[in-house]
Amino acid sequence: MSSIKVVGVSKRFGRTVALDNVSLEVRRGELFAILGPSGCGKTTLLRVIAGFEVPDNGQIFFDDEDVTYKRPDERGAVMVFQNWALWPHMRVYDNIAYGLKVRGLPKNEIDRRVRWVLDLLGLKGLENRYPHQLSGGQQQRVALARALVVEPRVLLLDEPLSNLDARLRLKLRGEIRKLQKELGITAIYVTHDQEEALAVADRVAVMRAGRIVEVGTPREIYSNPKKLFTAFFIGKTSVALARVEDVAGDIVYVRIGSLLIKAVNHGVQKGDRDAVVVFKAEKARSEPEWRDYVEVRGRVVVAMYMGSMVEVRLSPPGYNRDLAFYLPEIEPPKPGSQYTVYLPLNAVHAYTVGGEEDLVKELLEED
C-alpha cells in the first residue's frame, strides 16, 4: 500500500476546466472518498491518479515517487470501473486471471492467487461461469477480484455500486469497507452518493466545479461543515437567506422574514448585513429534545408521508420561500395550519455571503 499526494493538478478538456489546482493527500491504508455532484471533476481526478489522463499542470506522488507521467501498470494503481468492464467471452476465472497472465506470472502462482481471491470474495464455485450468467452483485465482485488479484499499491473505485439496486448497494458497500480494512490497501472511492461516502470512508473530500471544497472525516463534514457548499450538499437540508441581527462569537442571531433564530457561526462578522442559513432538515423534531435548540415556525404549505419520515414544508412569517423539514413518525399536519419544528442548535449553520454570491444564488434556486 502507498500514500498518495496530489499537488496543484489542473486538467482542461477544450474550454472546460475539469480540475482547477487540486491538491490533497491520502494516507497509507486509508479508504478515502471523493464526493460531489455530477460533472464536478471527481472521475477525472481519479483517472489522473490512475494514469489514464495526464494533467496539464501539477504532480501525482505515490509515497515519495513522482508517477505523474507513468503508465497505469507502471505506477501500480488498479481501477474498478462503473460498468465493471468484464470480458464477456471469458469465464470468471479467466477474467480474474487476465492481469496476472499479462504480467507473465507462472501458472501455479496465477492459480494460487485466483483461488485466494475467489474464496475472499465469495465467488468459489462460479469460476466457470460467463459474466452474463452472473447477477449484478456477482459481476461487481468479479471486477473487484480482478483488481485485487494483482496486489495493487492503490485501489481506485469509480462509482462501483451505481448499477446495482438499493438493497444490494447497502450490502456490498459494507463488504467493500470490511475487505479494504482486512487487506489494509490504500483505496480511493468516487461517488455522488453522500450516504455511501459517509458509510465507507475514513475521510471524505467534497468537490465542486473542479475544486476541493473541504476534506474531513464523515462526522466532521456532516456535523460541522466549514464551507457553505458542504453544509448544503451533505444530508437533507433547507437553505434560507437571512438578515444578521447580532454576532456573539460562535453564535449568530439572524432574522428569516420576521422569525428570529440563532445559528452556529461560520465566518459571519459584525457589520455583515446578510447570512445564509443551512438547516440539517432531517434533524427536525415535533418536540424539543435538547437543552439548546432552535424553533422554526410557520404555515404548513404541504406535508407528505415518506415511510420512515414526513416531509413538512413551512412558510415562515414574512419570508417568501418555503423551508422543508423531515420529521420521524408524526401525524402529518394539515396544510394551512400553523406548525413549529425544533432542531438542535448544532443542526443550524450560518455562513457569510461575502464572496459566495453566485453560490448562494445557485443554492437558493436549487433548494
Protein backbone atom coordinates (compact mmCIF):
# COMPACT_ATOMS: atom_id res chain seq x y z
CA MET A 1 0.00 0.00 0.00
CA SER A 2 1.06 3.56 -0.67
CA SER A 3 0.22 7.07 0.39
CA ILE A 4 -0.97 9.39 -2.38
CA LYS A 5 -0.27 13.08 -2.83
CA VAL A 6 -1.93 15.25 -5.47
CA VAL A 7 -0.17 18.61 -5.85
CA GLY A 8 -1.68 21.51 -7.81
CA VAL A 9 -3.29 19.37 -10.50
CA SER A 10 -5.26 21.05 -13.27
CA LYS A 11 -6.91 19.48 -16.31
CA ARG A 12 -8.84 21.04 -19.19
CA PHE A 13 -10.85 19.49 -22.00
CA GLY A 14 -11.12 22.25 -24.56
CA ARG A 15 -12.75 25.18 -22.78
CA THR A 16 -13.99 23.02 -19.93
CA VAL A 17 -11.94 23.17 -16.73
CA ALA A 18 -12.34 19.68 -15.23
CA LEU A 19 -9.76 20.15 -12.43
CA ASP A 20 -8.66 23.50 -11.08
CA ASN A 21 -5.46 23.41 -9.00
CA VAL A 22 -6.47 20.37 -6.95
CA SER A 23 -4.28 19.28 -4.02
CA LEU A 24 -4.98 16.52 -1.50
CA GLU A 25 -3.28 13.73 0.46
CA VAL A 26 -4.46 10.18 1.02
CA ARG A 27 -2.83 8.34 3.90
CA ARG A 28 -1.40 4.87 3.63
CA GLY A 29 -4.07 2.22 4.25
CA GLU A 30 -6.89 4.78 4.16
CA LEU A 31 -10.24 4.45 2.40
CA PHE A 32 -10.67 7.95 1.02
CA ALA A 33 -13.90 9.04 -0.68
CA ILE A 34 -14.25 11.77 -3.30
CA LEU A 35 -17.81 13.05 -3.21
CA GLY A 36 -19.60 15.59 -5.34
CA PRO A 37 -22.39 16.22 -7.83
CA SER A 38 -22.25 15.01 -11.43
CA GLY A 39 -19.73 16.93 -13.51
CA CYS A 40 -17.67 18.24 -10.59
CA GLY A 41 -14.45 16.53 -11.77
CA LYS A 42 -14.23 13.59 -9.37
CA THR A 43 -13.90 10.89 -12.05
CA THR A 44 -11.34 13.00 -13.95
CA LEU A 45 -9.31 13.29 -10.74
CA LEU A 46 -9.46 9.51 -10.26
CA ARG A 47 -8.34 8.94 -13.85
CA VAL A 48 -5.41 11.33 -13.37
CA ILE A 49 -4.37 9.43 -10.23
CA ALA A 50 -4.74 6.13 -12.12
CA GLY A 51 -2.66 7.35 -15.06
CA PHE A 52 -5.44 7.29 -17.70
CA GLU A 53 -5.24 11.09 -18.01
CA VAL A 54 -2.16 13.31 -17.92
CA PRO A 55 -2.62 16.57 -16.00
CA ASP A 56 -1.95 19.90 -17.71
CA ASN A 57 -0.25 21.08 -14.50
CA GLY A 58 0.70 19.54 -11.20
CA GLN A 59 2.13 16.28 -9.92
CA ILE A 60 0.98 12.90 -8.55
CA PHE A 61 3.08 11.07 -5.94
CA PHE A 62 2.76 7.51 -4.67
CA ASP A 63 4.74 7.63 -1.44
CA ASP A 64 7.70 9.81 -2.49
CA GLU A 65 7.72 8.59 -6.09
CA ASP A 66 6.59 11.01 -8.79
CA VAL A 67 4.27 8.95 -11.02
CA THR A 68 2.73 11.86 -12.95
CA TYR A 69 3.87 10.61 -16.36
CA LYS A 70 3.97 6.88 -15.66
CA ARG A 71 1.53 4.43 -17.25
CA PRO A 72 -1.13 2.84 -15.00
CA ASP A 73 0.70 -0.51 -14.96
CA GLU A 74 3.95 1.23 -14.02
CA ARG A 75 2.51 3.04 -11.01
CA GLY A 76 0.69 0.03 -9.51
CA ALA A 77 -2.79 1.55 -9.46
CA VAL A 78 -5.80 -0.58 -10.42
CA MET A 79 -9.23 0.83 -11.22
CA VAL A 80 -12.67 -0.73 -10.79
CA PHE A 81 -14.93 0.96 -13.32
CA GLN A 82 -18.56 1.97 -13.01
CA ASN A 83 -19.67 -0.59 -15.64
CA TRP A 84 -17.23 -3.28 -14.34
CA ALA A 85 -15.83 -3.84 -17.90
CA LEU A 86 -15.68 -7.64 -17.72
CA TRP A 87 -14.64 -9.61 -20.80
CA PRO A 88 -17.95 -11.16 -21.98
CA HIS A 89 -16.24 -14.08 -23.80
CA MET A 90 -14.14 -15.11 -20.78
CA ARG A 91 -15.21 -17.18 -17.81
CA VAL A 92 -14.92 -15.74 -14.30
CA TYR A 93 -11.59 -17.49 -13.69
CA ASP A 94 -10.03 -16.08 -16.86
CA ASN A 95 -11.41 -12.57 -16.24
CA ILE A 96 -9.71 -12.56 -12.84
CA ALA A 97 -6.50 -14.16 -14.11
CA TYR A 98 -6.11 -11.86 -17.12
CA GLY A 99 -3.94 -9.22 -15.42
CA LEU A 100 -1.66 -11.86 -13.95
CA LYS A 101 -1.19 -13.51 -17.36
CA VAL A 102 -0.30 -10.14 -18.92
CA ARG A 103 2.36 -9.75 -16.22
CA GLY A 104 3.81 -13.13 -17.17
CA LEU A 105 3.38 -14.88 -13.80
CA PRO A 106 3.84 -18.66 -13.74
CA LYS A 107 0.69 -20.80 -13.96
CA ASN A 108 0.89 -22.14 -10.41
CA GLU A 109 1.19 -18.60 -8.97
CA ILE A 110 -1.72 -17.39 -11.11
CA ASP A 111 -3.87 -20.28 -9.91
CA ARG A 112 -2.91 -19.69 -6.27
CA ARG A 113 -3.84 -16.02 -6.42
CA VAL A 114 -7.09 -16.58 -8.34
CA ARG A 115 -8.21 -19.30 -5.89
CA TRP A 116 -7.37 -16.98 -2.99
CA VAL A 117 -9.43 -14.06 -4.32
CA LEU A 118 -12.34 -16.32 -5.36
CA ASP A 119 -12.55 -17.51 -1.78
CA LEU A 120 -12.04 -14.00 -0.38
CA LEU A 121 -14.97 -12.53 -2.33
CA GLY A 122 -17.37 -15.46 -2.06
CA LEU A 123 -17.06 -16.43 -5.73
CA LYS A 124 -15.96 -20.02 -5.19
CA GLY A 125 -17.99 -22.30 -7.47
CA LEU A 126 -18.65 -19.56 -10.03
CA GLU A 127 -15.25 -19.66 -11.74
CA ASN A 128 -16.55 -21.42 -14.88
CA ARG A 129 -19.48 -19.09 -15.49
CA TYR A 130 -19.55 -16.28 -18.03
CA PRO A 131 -20.42 -12.71 -16.96
CA HIS A 132 -23.93 -12.90 -18.47
CA GLN A 133 -24.64 -15.87 -16.20
CA LEU A 134 -23.97 -13.80 -13.07
CA SER A 135 -26.11 -11.42 -11.05
CA GLY A 136 -25.15 -7.76 -10.84
CA GLY A 137 -23.65 -8.26 -7.39
CA GLN A 138 -21.60 -11.22 -8.58
CA GLN A 139 -20.30 -9.26 -11.56
CA GLN A 140 -19.28 -6.44 -9.24
CA ARG A 141 -17.38 -8.92 -7.08
CA VAL A 142 -15.58 -10.32 -10.14
CA ALA A 143 -14.49 -6.80 -11.13
CA LEU A 144 -13.20 -6.24 -7.61
CA ALA A 145 -11.46 -9.63 -7.59
CA ARG A 146 -9.73 -8.82 -10.89
CA ALA A 147 -8.38 -5.62 -9.32
CA LEU A 148 -7.25 -7.19 -6.03
CA VAL A 149 -5.60 -10.26 -7.50
CA VAL A 150 -2.69 -8.21 -8.93
CA GLU A 151 -1.94 -6.89 -5.41
CA PRO A 152 -2.03 -3.19 -6.37
CA ARG A 153 -0.38 -0.38 -4.43
CA VAL A 154 -3.57 1.63 -4.79
CA LEU A 155 -7.18 0.55 -5.45
CA LEU A 156 -9.35 3.09 -7.28
CA LEU A 157 -13.13 2.65 -7.36
CA ASP A 158 -15.22 4.75 -9.74
CA GLU A 159 -18.84 4.60 -8.54
CA PRO A 160 -18.59 0.78 -8.34
CA LEU A 161 -22.12 0.26 -6.99
CA SER A 162 -24.09 2.69 -9.15
CA ASN A 163 -25.50 -0.06 -11.41
CA LEU A 164 -26.94 -2.08 -8.53
CA ASP A 165 -30.33 -1.87 -6.84
CA ALA A 166 -30.59 -0.08 -3.48
CA ARG A 167 -30.72 -3.20 -1.29
CA LEU A 168 -27.64 -4.76 -2.91
CA ARG A 169 -25.75 -1.47 -2.71
CA LEU A 170 -26.26 -1.37 1.05
CA LYS A 171 -24.89 -4.89 1.39
CA LEU A 172 -21.90 -4.53 -0.90
CA ARG A 173 -20.69 -1.17 0.40
CA GLY A 174 -20.28 -2.85 3.79
CA GLU A 175 -18.38 -5.70 2.18
CA ILE A 176 -16.03 -3.26 0.40
CA ARG A 177 -15.33 -1.42 3.66
CA LYS A 178 -14.67 -4.70 5.51
CA LEU A 179 -12.44 -6.06 2.73
CA GLN A 180 -10.37 -2.87 2.44
CA LYS A 181 -9.68 -2.88 6.18
CA GLU A 182 -8.78 -6.58 6.23
CA LEU A 183 -6.29 -6.14 3.38
CA GLY A 184 -5.01 -2.74 4.57
CA ILE A 185 -4.92 -1.47 1.00
CA THR A 186 -4.99 2.25 0.16
CA ALA A 187 -8.24 2.94 -1.68
CA ILE A 188 -9.96 5.95 -3.26
CA TYR A 189 -13.71 5.67 -3.72
CA VAL A 190 -15.52 8.08 -6.05
CA THR A 191 -19.27 8.54 -5.67
CA HIS A 192 -22.05 11.10 -5.97
CA ASP A 193 -23.99 9.26 -3.24
CA GLN A 194 -23.31 11.08 0.03
CA GLU A 195 -24.69 8.31 2.23
CA GLU A 196 -22.38 5.83 0.53
CA ALA A 197 -19.35 8.08 1.02
CA LEU A 198 -20.11 8.68 4.69
CA ALA A 199 -20.63 4.95 5.27
CA VAL A 200 -17.44 3.59 3.71
CA ALA A 201 -14.79 6.29 4.08
CA ASP A 202 -12.22 7.19 6.72
CA ARG A 203 -12.12 10.70 5.25
CA VAL A 204 -14.09 12.46 2.53
CA ALA A 205 -13.17 15.17 0.03
CA VAL A 206 -16.14 17.21 -1.18
CA MET A 207 -15.73 18.54 -4.73
CA ARG A 208 -17.49 21.26 -6.68
CA ALA A 209 -16.70 22.70 -10.12
CA GLY A 210 -13.26 21.07 -10.36
CA ARG A 211 -12.09 22.11 -6.89
CA ILE A 212 -11.78 20.51 -3.48
CA VAL A 213 -14.20 22.36 -1.20
CA GLU A 214 -13.46 20.59 2.07
CA VAL A 215 -11.79 17.46 3.47
CA GLY A 216 -12.68 15.81 6.77
CA THR A 217 -13.95 12.72 8.49
CA PRO A 218 -17.56 11.75 7.72
CA ARG A 219 -18.65 13.06 11.12
CA GLU A 220 -16.80 16.38 10.62
CA ILE A 221 -18.26 17.18 7.22
CA TYR A 222 -21.77 16.14 8.27
CA SER A 223 -21.97 17.62 11.76
CA ASN A 224 -19.67 20.65 11.47
CA PRO A 225 -19.22 21.63 7.81
CA LYS A 226 -16.84 24.55 7.47
CA LYS A 227 -17.94 25.54 3.98
CA LEU A 228 -21.36 26.58 2.71
CA PHE A 229 -21.47 24.12 -0.18
CA THR A 230 -20.58 21.20 2.11
CA ALA A 231 -23.31 22.18 4.55
CA PHE A 232 -25.88 22.29 1.74
CA PHE A 233 -24.73 19.17 -0.09
CA ILE A 234 -24.41 16.76 2.85
CA GLY A 235 -27.65 15.45 4.30
CA LYS A 236 -31.22 16.61 3.75
CA THR A 237 -31.05 20.39 4.03
CA SER A 238 -33.01 23.60 3.68
CA VAL A 239 -31.45 26.96 2.86
CA ALA A 240 -32.62 30.48 3.74
CA LEU A 241 -31.23 33.94 3.13
CA ALA A 242 -31.32 35.79 6.45
CA ARG A 243 -30.64 39.26 7.85
CA VAL A 244 -27.91 39.42 10.50
CA GLU A 245 -29.11 40.84 13.82
CA ASP A 246 -26.14 40.16 16.11
CA VAL A 247 -22.91 38.17 16.27
CA ALA A 248 -21.74 36.71 19.56
CA GLY A 249 -18.60 34.68 18.86
CA ASP A 250 -19.60 31.19 17.75
CA ILE A 251 -23.29 32.13 17.65
CA VAL A 252 -25.04 34.43 15.20
CA TYR A 253 -28.60 35.74 15.55
CA VAL A 254 -30.45 36.14 12.26
CA ARG A 255 -33.91 37.00 11.06
CA ILE A 256 -35.66 34.92 8.39
CA GLY A 257 -38.61 37.09 7.49
CA SER A 258 -39.88 38.10 10.94
CA LEU A 259 -38.61 34.88 12.54
CA LEU A 260 -35.59 35.42 14.83
CA ILE A 261 -33.34 32.38 15.32
CA LYS A 262 -29.77 31.61 16.37
CA ALA A 263 -27.26 29.51 14.47
CA VAL A 264 -23.71 28.21 14.64
CA ASN A 265 -21.47 30.89 13.15
CA HIS A 266 -19.21 30.11 10.17
CA GLY A 267 -17.47 33.36 9.30
CA VAL A 268 -20.28 35.87 9.77
CA GLN A 269 -18.84 39.13 11.07
CA LYS A 270 -20.30 42.07 12.96
CA GLY A 271 -21.34 44.53 10.31
CA ASP A 272 -22.41 41.86 7.80
CA ARG A 273 -25.91 42.54 6.54
CA ASP A 274 -26.83 39.10 5.23
CA ALA A 275 -26.07 35.47 6.01
CA VAL A 276 -27.06 32.12 4.54
CA VAL A 277 -28.63 29.68 6.98
CA VAL A 278 -28.45 25.95 6.29
CA PHE A 279 -30.73 23.69 8.31
CA LYS A 280 -29.94 19.99 8.67
CA ALA A 281 -33.59 19.36 7.97
CA GLU A 282 -33.56 15.66 8.87
CA LYS A 283 -32.67 16.62 12.46
CA ALA A 284 -36.04 18.32 12.94
CA ARG A 285 -38.48 17.07 15.59
CA SER A 286 -42.03 17.95 16.62
CA GLU A 287 -40.94 18.46 20.25
CA PRO A 288 -37.63 19.82 21.64
CA GLU A 289 -35.29 17.01 22.69
CA TRP A 290 -32.20 19.07 23.52
CA ARG A 291 -31.14 21.68 26.03
CA ASP A 292 -30.00 24.08 23.30
CA TYR A 293 -32.42 24.14 20.39
CA VAL A 294 -33.87 26.34 17.63
CA GLU A 295 -37.57 26.82 16.87
CA VAL A 296 -38.80 27.33 13.31
CA ARG A 297 -42.49 28.11 12.99
CA GLY A 298 -44.67 28.83 10.01
CA ARG A 299 -47.72 27.91 7.96
CA VAL A 300 -47.83 24.36 6.61
CA VAL A 301 -47.69 24.51 2.81
CA VAL A 302 -47.68 20.73 2.30
CA ALA A 303 -46.98 17.61 4.37
CA MET A 304 -46.02 14.34 2.66
CA TYR A 305 -45.76 10.89 4.21
CA MET A 306 -42.50 9.21 3.13
CA GLY A 307 -42.47 6.00 5.14
CA SER A 308 -39.80 6.49 7.78
CA MET A 309 -40.37 10.25 7.84
CA VAL A 310 -42.79 13.01 6.96
CA GLU A 311 -41.71 15.99 4.86
CA VAL A 312 -43.25 19.21 6.16
CA ARG A 313 -42.84 22.40 4.14
CA LEU A 314 -43.27 25.54 6.20
CA SER A 315 -43.68 29.15 5.14
CA PRO A 316 -42.15 31.30 7.91
CA PRO A 317 -43.93 34.61 8.62
CA GLY A 318 -42.69 37.41 6.37
CA TYR A 319 -40.49 35.10 4.24
CA ASN A 320 -41.24 34.38 0.60
CA ARG A 321 -39.79 30.87 0.35
CA ASP A 322 -40.76 27.51 1.85
CA LEU A 323 -38.43 25.53 4.12
CA ALA A 324 -38.59 21.72 4.08
CA PHE A 325 -38.11 19.65 7.24
CA TYR A 326 -38.16 15.89 7.72
CA LEU A 327 -39.73 14.54 10.91
CA PRO A 328 -39.88 10.90 12.00
CA GLU A 329 -43.13 9.14 12.89
CA ILE A 330 -45.55 12.05 13.19
CA GLU A 331 -49.10 12.54 12.02
CA PRO A 332 -48.76 14.86 9.01
CA PRO A 333 -50.04 18.33 9.95
CA LYS A 334 -52.84 19.82 7.87
CA PRO A 335 -51.93 22.29 5.09
CA GLY A 336 -52.69 25.85 6.16
CA SER A 337 -52.22 25.16 9.85
CA GLN A 338 -49.53 26.79 11.98
CA TYR A 339 -46.75 24.43 12.97
CA THR A 340 -43.40 24.56 14.81
CA VAL A 341 -40.41 22.30 14.29
CA TYR A 342 -37.42 22.07 16.62
CA LEU A 343 -33.78 21.42 15.74
CA PRO A 344 -30.65 21.11 17.88
CA LEU A 345 -28.51 24.23 17.65
CA ASN A 346 -25.69 22.24 16.03
CA ALA A 347 -28.02 21.46 13.10
CA VAL A 348 -28.42 25.14 12.17
CA HIS A 349 -25.42 26.78 10.46
CA ALA A 350 -24.94 30.36 9.28
CA TYR A 351 -22.40 31.36 6.60
CA THR A 352 -21.20 34.69 5.31
CA VAL A 353 -22.45 35.76 1.89
CA GLY A 354 -19.28 37.72 1.10
CA GLY A 355 -17.53 36.25 -1.91
CA GLU A 356 -20.15 33.50 -2.26
CA GLU A 357 -22.91 35.43 -4.02
CA ASP A 358 -23.01 33.13 -7.09
CA LEU A 359 -23.08 30.00 -4.91
CA VAL A 360 -25.79 31.47 -2.68
CA LYS A 361 -27.94 32.24 -5.73
CA GLU A 362 -27.41 28.72 -7.07
CA LEU A 363 -28.30 27.07 -3.76
CA LEU A 364 -31.43 29.15 -3.24
CA GLU A 365 -32.61 28.28 -6.76
CA GLU A 366 -31.83 24.58 -6.24
CA ASP A 367 -33.32 24.23 -2.76
